[in-house]
């Protein structure tokens, strides 16, 4: 309930990349371009 969550992805040989976020209340989201 009170955690924001971010999705990440990691391709082979690449560093982990943050791609999307949702705030704890769900009112704000963001995305990598």
ModelCIF file with pLDDT and N, C-alpha, C, O atoms, coordinates in Angstrom:
data_MODEL
#
_entry.id   MODEL 
#
_entity.id                         1 
_entity.type                       polymer 
_entity.pdbx_number_of_molecules   1 
#
_entity_poly.entity_id                      1 
_entity_poly.type                           'polypeptide(L)' 
_entity_poly.nstd_linkage                   no 
_entity_poly.nstd_monomer                   no 
_entity_poly.pdbx_seq_one_letter_code       
;(UNK)(UNK)(UNK)(UNK)(UNK)(UNK)(UNK)(UNK)(UNK)(UNK)(UNK)(UNK)(UNK)(UNK)(UNK)(UNK)
(UNK)(UNK)(UNK)(UNK)(UNK)(UNK)(UNK)(UNK)(UNK)(UNK)(UNK)(UNK)(UNK)(UNK)(UNK)(UNK)
(UNK)
;
_entity_poly.pdbx_seq_one_letter_code_can   XXXXXXXXXXXXXXXXXXXXXXXXXXXXXXXXX 
_entity_poly.pdbx_strand_id                 A 
#
loop_
_entity_poly_seq.entity_id 
_entity_poly_seq.num 
_entity_poly_seq.mon_id 
_entity_poly_seq.hetero 
1 1  UNK n 
1 2  UNK n 
1 3  UNK n 
1 4  UNK n 
1 5  UNK n 
1 6  UNK n 
1 7  UNK n 
1 8  UNK n 
1 9  UNK n 
1 10 UNK n 
1 11 UNK n 
1 12 UNK n 
1 13 UNK n 
1 14 UNK n 
1 15 UNK n 
1 16 UNK n 
1 17 UNK n 
1 18 UNK n 
1 19 UNK n 
1 20 UNK n 
1 21 UNK n 
1 22 UNK n 
1 23 UNK n 
1 24 UNK n 
1 25 UNK n 
1 26 UNK n 
1 27 UNK n 
1 28 UNK n 
1 29 UNK n 
1 30 UNK n 
1 31 UNK n 
1 32 UNK n 
1 33 UNK n 
#
_struct_asym.id          A 
_struct_asym.entity_id   1 
#
loop_
_ma_qa_metric.id 
_ma_qa_metric.mode 
_ma_qa_metric.name 
_ma_qa_metric.software_group_id 
_ma_qa_metric.type 
1 global pLDDT . pLDDT 
2 local  pLDDT . pLDDT 
#
_ma_qa_metric_global.metric_id      1 
_ma_qa_metric_global.metric_value   92.64 
_ma_qa_metric_global.model_id       1 
_ma_qa_metric_global.ordinal_id     1 
#
loop_
_ma_qa_metric_local.label_asym_id 
_ma_qa_metric_local.label_comp_id 
_ma_qa_metric_local.label_seq_id 
_ma_qa_metric_local.metric_id 
_ma_qa_metric_local.metric_value 
_ma_qa_metric_local.model_id 
_ma_qa_metric_local.ordinal_id 
A UNK 1  2 84.00 1 1  
A UNK 2  2 84.00 1 2  
A UNK 3  2 90.00 1 3  
A UNK 4  2 94.00 1 4  
A UNK 5  2 94.00 1 5  
A UNK 6  2 96.00 1 6  
A UNK 7  2 97.00 1 7  
A UNK 8  2 98.00 1 8  
A UNK 9  2 98.00 1 9  
A UNK 10 2 98.00 1 10 
A UNK 11 2 96.00 1 11 
A UNK 12 2 91.00 1 12 
A UNK 13 2 93.00 1 13 
A UNK 14 2 95.00 1 14 
A UNK 15 2 96.00 1 15 
A UNK 16 2 96.00 1 16 
A UNK 17 2 96.00 1 17 
A UNK 18 2 97.00 1 18 
A UNK 19 2 97.00 1 19 
A UNK 20 2 97.00 1 20 
A UNK 21 2 96.00 1 21 
A UNK 22 2 95.00 1 22 
A UNK 23 2 91.00 1 23 
A UNK 24 2 84.00 1 24 
A UNK 25 2 79.00 1 25 
A UNK 26 2 74.00 1 26 
A UNK 27 2 79.00 1 27 
A UNK 28 2 91.00 1 28 
A UNK 29 2 95.00 1 29 
A UNK 30 2 95.00 1 30 
A UNK 31 2 97.00 1 31 
A UNK 32 2 97.00 1 32 
A UNK 33 2 97.00 1 33 
#
loop_
_atom_site.group_PDB 
_atom_site.id 
_atom_site.type_symbol 
_atom_site.label_atom_id 
_atom_site.label_alt_id 
_atom_site.label_comp_id 
_atom_site.label_asym_id 
_atom_site.label_entity_id 
_atom_site.label_seq_id 
_atom_site.pdbx_PDB_ins_code 
_atom_site.Cartn_x 
_atom_site.Cartn_y 
_atom_site.Cartn_z 
_atom_site.occupancy 
_atom_site.B_iso_or_equiv 
_atom_site.pdbx_formal_charge 
_atom_site.auth_seq_id 
_atom_site.auth_comp_id 
_atom_site.auth_asym_id 
_atom_site.auth_atom_id 
_atom_site.pdbx_PDB_model_num 
ATOM 1   N N  . UNK A 1 1  ? 0.782  -1.241 0.000   1.00 84.00 ? 1  UNK A N  1 
ATOM 2   C CA . UNK A 1 1  ? 0.000  0.000  0.000   1.00 84.00 ? 1  UNK A CA 1 
ATOM 3   C C  . UNK A 1 1  ? 0.811  1.287  0.000   1.00 84.00 ? 1  UNK A C  1 
ATOM 4   O O  . UNK A 1 1  ? 0.529  2.190  -0.788  1.00 84.00 ? 1  UNK A O  1 
ATOM 5   N N  . UNK A 1 2  ? 1.798  1.388  0.856   1.00 84.00 ? 2  UNK A N  1 
ATOM 6   C CA . UNK A 1 2  ? 2.507  2.651  1.022   1.00 84.00 ? 2  UNK A CA 1 
ATOM 7   C C  . UNK A 1 2  ? 3.898  2.644  0.415   1.00 84.00 ? 2  UNK A C  1 
ATOM 8   O O  . UNK A 1 2  ? 4.772  3.402  0.835   1.00 84.00 ? 2  UNK A O  1 
ATOM 9   N N  . UNK A 1 3  ? 4.095  1.801  -0.554  1.00 90.00 ? 3  UNK A N  1 
ATOM 10  C CA . UNK A 1 3  ? 5.342  1.771  -1.305  1.00 90.00 ? 3  UNK A CA 1 
ATOM 11  C C  . UNK A 1 3  ? 5.106  2.238  -2.726  1.00 90.00 ? 3  UNK A C  1 
ATOM 12  O O  . UNK A 1 3  ? 4.144  1.825  -3.375  1.00 90.00 ? 3  UNK A O  1 
ATOM 13  N N  . UNK A 1 4  ? 5.982  3.096  -3.205  1.00 94.00 ? 4  UNK A N  1 
ATOM 14  C CA . UNK A 1 4  ? 6.086  3.312  -4.637  1.00 94.00 ? 4  UNK A CA 1 
ATOM 15  C C  . UNK A 1 4  ? 6.846  2.136  -5.251  1.00 94.00 ? 4  UNK A C  1 
ATOM 16  O O  . UNK A 1 4  ? 7.603  1.452  -4.562  1.00 94.00 ? 4  UNK A O  1 
ATOM 17  N N  . UNK A 1 5  ? 6.641  1.908  -6.534  1.00 94.00 ? 5  UNK A N  1 
ATOM 18  C CA . UNK A 1 5  ? 7.285  0.782  -7.200  1.00 94.00 ? 5  UNK A CA 1 
ATOM 19  C C  . UNK A 1 5  ? 7.830  1.231  -8.548  1.00 94.00 ? 5  UNK A C  1 
ATOM 20  O O  . UNK A 1 5  ? 7.186  1.976  -9.287  1.00 94.00 ? 5  UNK A O  1 
ATOM 21  N N  . UNK A 1 6  ? 9.014  0.763  -8.841  1.00 96.00 ? 6  UNK A N  1 
ATOM 22  C CA . UNK A 1 6  ? 9.611  1.018  -10.138 1.00 96.00 ? 6  UNK A CA 1 
ATOM 23  C C  . UNK A 1 6  ? 9.876  -0.299 -10.853 1.00 96.00 ? 6  UNK A C  1 
ATOM 24  O O  . UNK A 1 6  ? 10.362 -1.259 -10.254 1.00 96.00 ? 6  UNK A O  1 
ATOM 25  N N  . UNK A 1 7  ? 9.553  -0.331 -12.132 1.00 97.00 ? 7  UNK A N  1 
ATOM 26  C CA . UNK A 1 7  ? 9.946  -1.425 -13.010 1.00 97.00 ? 7  UNK A CA 1 
ATOM 27  C C  . UNK A 1 7  ? 11.311 -1.116 -13.606 1.00 97.00 ? 7  UNK A C  1 
ATOM 28  O O  . UNK A 1 7  ? 11.597 0.012  -14.007 1.00 97.00 ? 7  UNK A O  1 
ATOM 29  N N  . UNK A 1 8  ? 12.143 -2.147 -13.652 1.00 98.00 ? 8  UNK A N  1 
ATOM 30  C CA . UNK A 1 8  ? 13.463 -2.086 -14.266 1.00 98.00 ? 8  UNK A CA 1 
ATOM 31  C C  . UNK A 1 8  ? 13.564 -3.177 -15.322 1.00 98.00 ? 8  UNK A C  1 
ATOM 32  O O  . UNK A 1 8  ? 12.774 -4.121 -15.337 1.00 98.00 ? 8  UNK A O  1 
ATOM 33  N N  . UNK A 1 9  ? 14.525 -3.037 -16.184 1.00 98.00 ? 9  UNK A N  1 
ATOM 34  C CA . UNK A 1 9  ? 14.865 -4.125 -17.086 1.00 98.00 ? 9  UNK A CA 1 
ATOM 35  C C  . UNK A 1 9  ? 16.370 -4.177 -17.274 1.00 98.00 ? 9  UNK A C  1 
ATOM 36  O O  . UNK A 1 9  ? 17.067 -3.173 -17.125 1.00 98.00 ? 9  UNK A O  1 
ATOM 37  N N  . UNK A 1 10 ? 16.854 -5.358 -17.603 1.00 98.00 ? 10 UNK A N  1 
ATOM 38  C CA . UNK A 1 10 ? 18.267 -5.558 -17.823 1.00 98.00 ? 10 UNK A CA 1 
ATOM 39  C C  . UNK A 1 10 ? 18.458 -6.498 -19.005 1.00 98.00 ? 10 UNK A C  1 
ATOM 40  O O  . UNK A 1 10 ? 18.087 -7.671 -18.957 1.00 98.00 ? 10 UNK A O  1 
ATOM 41  N N  . UNK A 1 11 ? 19.038 -5.962 -20.053 1.00 96.00 ? 11 UNK A N  1 
ATOM 42  C CA . UNK A 1 11 ? 19.360 -6.753 -21.226 1.00 96.00 ? 11 UNK A CA 1 
ATOM 43  C C  . UNK A 1 11 ? 20.719 -7.409 -21.030 1.00 96.00 ? 11 UNK A C  1 
ATOM 44  O O  . UNK A 1 11 ? 21.522 -6.926 -20.231 1.00 96.00 ? 11 UNK A O  1 
ATOM 45  N N  . UNK A 1 12 ? 20.996 -8.503 -21.742 1.00 91.00 ? 12 UNK A N  1 
ATOM 46  C CA . UNK A 1 12 ? 22.287 -9.174 -21.597 1.00 91.00 ? 12 UNK A CA 1 
ATOM 47  C C  . UNK A 1 12 ? 23.453 -8.228 -21.843 1.00 91.00 ? 12 UNK A C  1 
ATOM 48  O O  . UNK A 1 12 ? 23.494 -7.526 -22.853 1.00 91.00 ? 12 UNK A O  1 
ATOM 49  N N  . UNK A 1 13 ? 24.393 -8.217 -20.916 1.00 93.00 ? 13 UNK A N  1 
ATOM 50  C CA . UNK A 1 13 ? 25.563 -7.370 -21.036 1.00 93.00 ? 13 UNK A CA 1 
ATOM 51  C C  . UNK A 1 13 ? 25.336 -5.905 -20.749 1.00 93.00 ? 13 UNK A C  1 
ATOM 52  O O  . UNK A 1 13 ? 26.261 -5.103 -20.874 1.00 93.00 ? 13 UNK A O  1 
ATOM 53  N N  . UNK A 1 14 ? 24.128 -5.537 -20.367 1.00 95.00 ? 14 UNK A N  1 
ATOM 54  C CA . UNK A 1 14 ? 23.795 -4.145 -20.102 1.00 95.00 ? 14 UNK A CA 1 
ATOM 55  C C  . UNK A 1 14 ? 23.503 -3.934 -18.623 1.00 95.00 ? 14 UNK A C  1 
ATOM 56  O O  . UNK A 1 14 ? 23.207 -4.883 -17.897 1.00 95.00 ? 14 UNK A O  1 
ATOM 57  N N  . UNK A 1 15 ? 23.588 -2.694 -18.188 1.00 96.00 ? 15 UNK A N  1 
ATOM 58  C CA . UNK A 1 15 ? 23.232 -2.362 -16.828 1.00 96.00 ? 15 UNK A CA 1 
ATOM 59  C C  . UNK A 1 15 ? 21.714 -2.286 -16.678 1.00 96.00 ? 15 UNK A C  1 
ATOM 60  O O  . UNK A 1 15 ? 20.991 -2.050 -17.646 1.00 96.00 ? 15 UNK A O  1 
ATOM 61  N N  . UNK A 1 16 ? 21.258 -2.488 -15.473 1.00 96.00 ? 16 UNK A N  1 
ATOM 62  C CA . UNK A 1 16 ? 19.848 -2.386 -15.175 1.00 96.00 ? 16 UNK A CA 1 
ATOM 63  C C  . UNK A 1 16 ? 19.349 -0.969 -15.425 1.00 96.00 ? 16 UNK A C  1 
ATOM 64  O O  . UNK A 1 16 ? 19.997 0.004  -15.040 1.00 96.00 ? 16 UNK A O  1 
ATOM 65  N N  . UNK A 1 17 ? 18.196 -0.862 -16.069 1.00 96.00 ? 17 UNK A N  1 
ATOM 66  C CA . UNK A 1 17 ? 17.626 0.410  -16.470 1.00 96.00 ? 17 UNK A CA 1 
ATOM 67  C C  . UNK A 1 17 ? 16.244 0.571  -15.846 1.00 96.00 ? 17 UNK A C  1 
ATOM 68  O O  . UNK A 1 17 ? 15.393 -0.306 -15.996 1.00 96.00 ? 17 UNK A O  1 
ATOM 69  N N  . UNK A 1 18 ? 16.011 1.680  -15.149 1.00 97.00 ? 18 UNK A N  1 
ATOM 70  C CA . UNK A 1 18 ? 14.688 1.983  -14.658 1.00 97.00 ? 18 UNK A CA 1 
ATOM 71  C C  . UNK A 1 18 ? 13.811 2.472  -15.792 1.00 97.00 ? 18 UNK A C  1 
ATOM 72  O O  . UNK A 1 18 ? 14.208 3.370  -16.534 1.00 97.00 ? 18 UNK A O  1 
ATOM 73  N N  . UNK A 1 19 ? 12.614 1.894  -15.943 1.00 97.00 ? 19 UNK A N  1 
ATOM 74  C CA . UNK A 1 19 ? 11.783 2.232  -17.089 1.00 97.00 ? 19 UNK A CA 1 
ATOM 75  C C  . UNK A 1 19 ? 10.436 2.849  -16.715 1.00 97.00 ? 19 UNK A C  1 
ATOM 76  O O  . UNK A 1 19 ? 9.848  3.559  -17.530 1.00 97.00 ? 19 UNK A O  1 
ATOM 77  N N  . UNK A 1 20 ? 9.937  2.601  -15.521 1.00 97.00 ? 20 UNK A N  1 
ATOM 78  C CA . UNK A 1 20 ? 8.627  3.124  -15.161 1.00 97.00 ? 20 UNK A CA 1 
ATOM 79  C C  . UNK A 1 20 ? 8.467  3.150  -13.654 1.00 97.00 ? 20 UNK A C  1 
ATOM 80  O O  . UNK A 1 20 ? 9.061  2.344  -12.937 1.00 97.00 ? 20 UNK A O  1 
ATOM 81  N N  . UNK A 1 21 ? 7.654  4.089  -13.181 1.00 96.00 ? 21 UNK A N  1 
ATOM 82  C CA . UNK A 1 21 ? 7.431  4.280  -11.753 1.00 96.00 ? 21 UNK A CA 1 
ATOM 83  C C  . UNK A 1 21 ? 5.965  4.582  -11.509 1.00 96.00 ? 21 UNK A C  1 
ATOM 84  O O  . UNK A 1 21 ? 5.307  5.233  -12.321 1.00 96.00 ? 21 UNK A O  1 
ATOM 85  N N  . UNK A 1 22 ? 5.460  4.101  -10.380 1.00 95.00 ? 22 UNK A N  1 
ATOM 86  C CA . UNK A 1 22 ? 4.148  4.503  -9.904  1.00 95.00 ? 22 UNK A CA 1 
ATOM 87  C C  . UNK A 1 22 ? 4.264  4.843  -8.426  1.00 95.00 ? 22 UNK A C  1 
ATOM 88  O O  . UNK A 1 22 ? 4.839  4.081  -7.648  1.00 95.00 ? 22 UNK A O  1 
ATOM 89  N N  . UNK A 1 23 ? 3.714  5.994  -8.043  1.00 91.00 ? 23 UNK A N  1 
ATOM 90  C CA . UNK A 1 23 ? 3.809  6.426  -6.662  1.00 91.00 ? 23 UNK A CA 1 
ATOM 91  C C  . UNK A 1 23 ? 2.938  5.563  -5.758  1.00 91.00 ? 23 UNK A C  1 
ATOM 92  O O  . UNK A 1 23 ? 2.120  4.779  -6.238  1.00 91.00 ? 23 UNK A O  1 
ATOM 93  N N  . UNK A 1 24 ? 3.117  5.710  -4.458  1.00 84.00 ? 24 UNK A N  1 
ATOM 94  C CA . UNK A 1 24 ? 2.432  4.817  -3.520  1.00 84.00 ? 24 UNK A CA 1 
ATOM 95  C C  . UNK A 1 24 ? 0.924  4.904  -3.614  1.00 84.00 ? 24 UNK A C  1 
ATOM 96  O O  . UNK A 1 24 ? 0.226  3.919  -3.376  1.00 84.00 ? 24 UNK A O  1 
ATOM 97  N N  . UNK A 1 25 ? 0.410  6.095  -3.967  1.00 79.00 ? 25 UNK A N  1 
ATOM 98  C CA . UNK A 1 25 ? -1.032 6.280  -4.082  1.00 79.00 ? 25 UNK A CA 1 
ATOM 99  C C  . UNK A 1 25 ? -1.529 6.088  -5.511  1.00 79.00 ? 25 UNK A C  1 
ATOM 100 O O  . UNK A 1 25 ? -2.736 6.089  -5.752  1.00 79.00 ? 25 UNK A O  1 
ATOM 101 N N  . UNK A 1 26 ? -0.619 5.926  -6.448  1.00 74.00 ? 26 UNK A N  1 
ATOM 102 C CA . UNK A 1 26 ? -0.981 5.685  -7.831  1.00 74.00 ? 26 UNK A CA 1 
ATOM 103 C C  . UNK A 1 26 ? -1.347 6.916  -8.635  1.00 74.00 ? 26 UNK A C  1 
ATOM 104 O O  . UNK A 1 26 ? -1.767 6.801  -9.786  1.00 74.00 ? 26 UNK A O  1 
ATOM 105 N N  . UNK A 1 27 ? -1.194 8.096  -8.046  1.00 79.00 ? 27 UNK A N  1 
ATOM 106 C CA . UNK A 1 27 ? -1.605 9.308  -8.713  1.00 79.00 ? 27 UNK A CA 1 
ATOM 107 C C  . UNK A 1 27 ? -0.611 9.863  -9.709  1.00 79.00 ? 27 UNK A C  1 
ATOM 108 O O  . UNK A 1 27 ? -0.945 10.753 -10.492 1.00 79.00 ? 27 UNK A O  1 
ATOM 109 N N  . UNK A 1 28 ? 0.588  9.355  -9.689  1.00 91.00 ? 28 UNK A N  1 
ATOM 110 C CA . UNK A 1 28 ? 1.610  9.832  -10.605 1.00 91.00 ? 28 UNK A CA 1 
ATOM 111 C C  . UNK A 1 28 ? 2.406  8.657  -11.141 1.00 91.00 ? 28 UNK A C  1 
ATOM 112 O O  . UNK A 1 28 ? 2.796  7.756  -10.398 1.00 91.00 ? 28 UNK A O  1 
ATOM 113 N N  . UNK A 1 29 ? 2.633  8.683  -12.418 1.00 95.00 ? 29 UNK A N  1 
ATOM 114 C CA . UNK A 1 29 ? 3.449  7.666  -13.070 1.00 95.00 ? 29 UNK A CA 1 
ATOM 115 C C  . UNK A 1 29 ? 4.471  8.347  -13.960 1.00 95.00 ? 29 UNK A C  1 
ATOM 116 O O  . UNK A 1 29 ? 4.281  9.490  -14.375 1.00 95.00 ? 29 UNK A O  1 
ATOM 117 N N  . UNK A 1 30 ? 5.544  7.651  -14.248 1.00 95.00 ? 30 UNK A N  1 
ATOM 118 C CA . UNK A 1 30 ? 6.497  8.156  -15.217 1.00 95.00 ? 30 UNK A CA 1 
ATOM 119 C C  . UNK A 1 30 ? 7.097  6.997  -15.989 1.00 95.00 ? 30 UNK A C  1 
ATOM 120 O O  . UNK A 1 30 ? 7.035  5.842  -15.568 1.00 95.00 ? 30 UNK A O  1 
ATOM 121 N N  . UNK A 1 31 ? 7.683  7.338  -17.139 1.00 97.00 ? 31 UNK A N  1 
ATOM 122 C CA . UNK A 1 31 ? 8.220  6.347  -18.055 1.00 97.00 ? 31 UNK A CA 1 
ATOM 123 C C  . UNK A 1 31 ? 9.478  6.888  -18.704 1.00 97.00 ? 31 UNK A C  1 
ATOM 124 O O  . UNK A 1 31 ? 9.589  8.083  -18.976 1.00 97.00 ? 31 UNK A O  1 
ATOM 125 N N  . UNK A 1 32 ? 10.406 6.012  -18.942 1.00 97.00 ? 32 UNK A N  1 
ATOM 126 C CA . UNK A 1 32 ? 11.555 6.393  -19.729 1.00 97.00 ? 32 UNK A CA 1 
ATOM 127 C C  . UNK A 1 32 ? 11.091 6.617  -21.177 1.00 97.00 ? 32 UNK A C  1 
ATOM 128 O O  . UNK A 1 32 ? 10.130 5.995  -21.629 1.00 97.00 ? 32 UNK A O  1 
ATOM 129 N N  . UNK A 1 33 ? 11.774 7.498  -21.886 1.00 97.00 ? 33 UNK A N  1 
ATOM 130 C CA . UNK A 1 33 ? 11.316 7.900  -23.212 1.00 97.00 ? 33 UNK A CA 1 
ATOM 131 C C  . UNK A 1 33 ? 11.126 6.728  -24.167 1.00 97.00 ? 33 UNK A C  1 
ATOM 132 O O  . UNK A 1 33 ? 10.743 6.927  -25.320 1.00 97.00 ? 33 UNK A O  1 
#
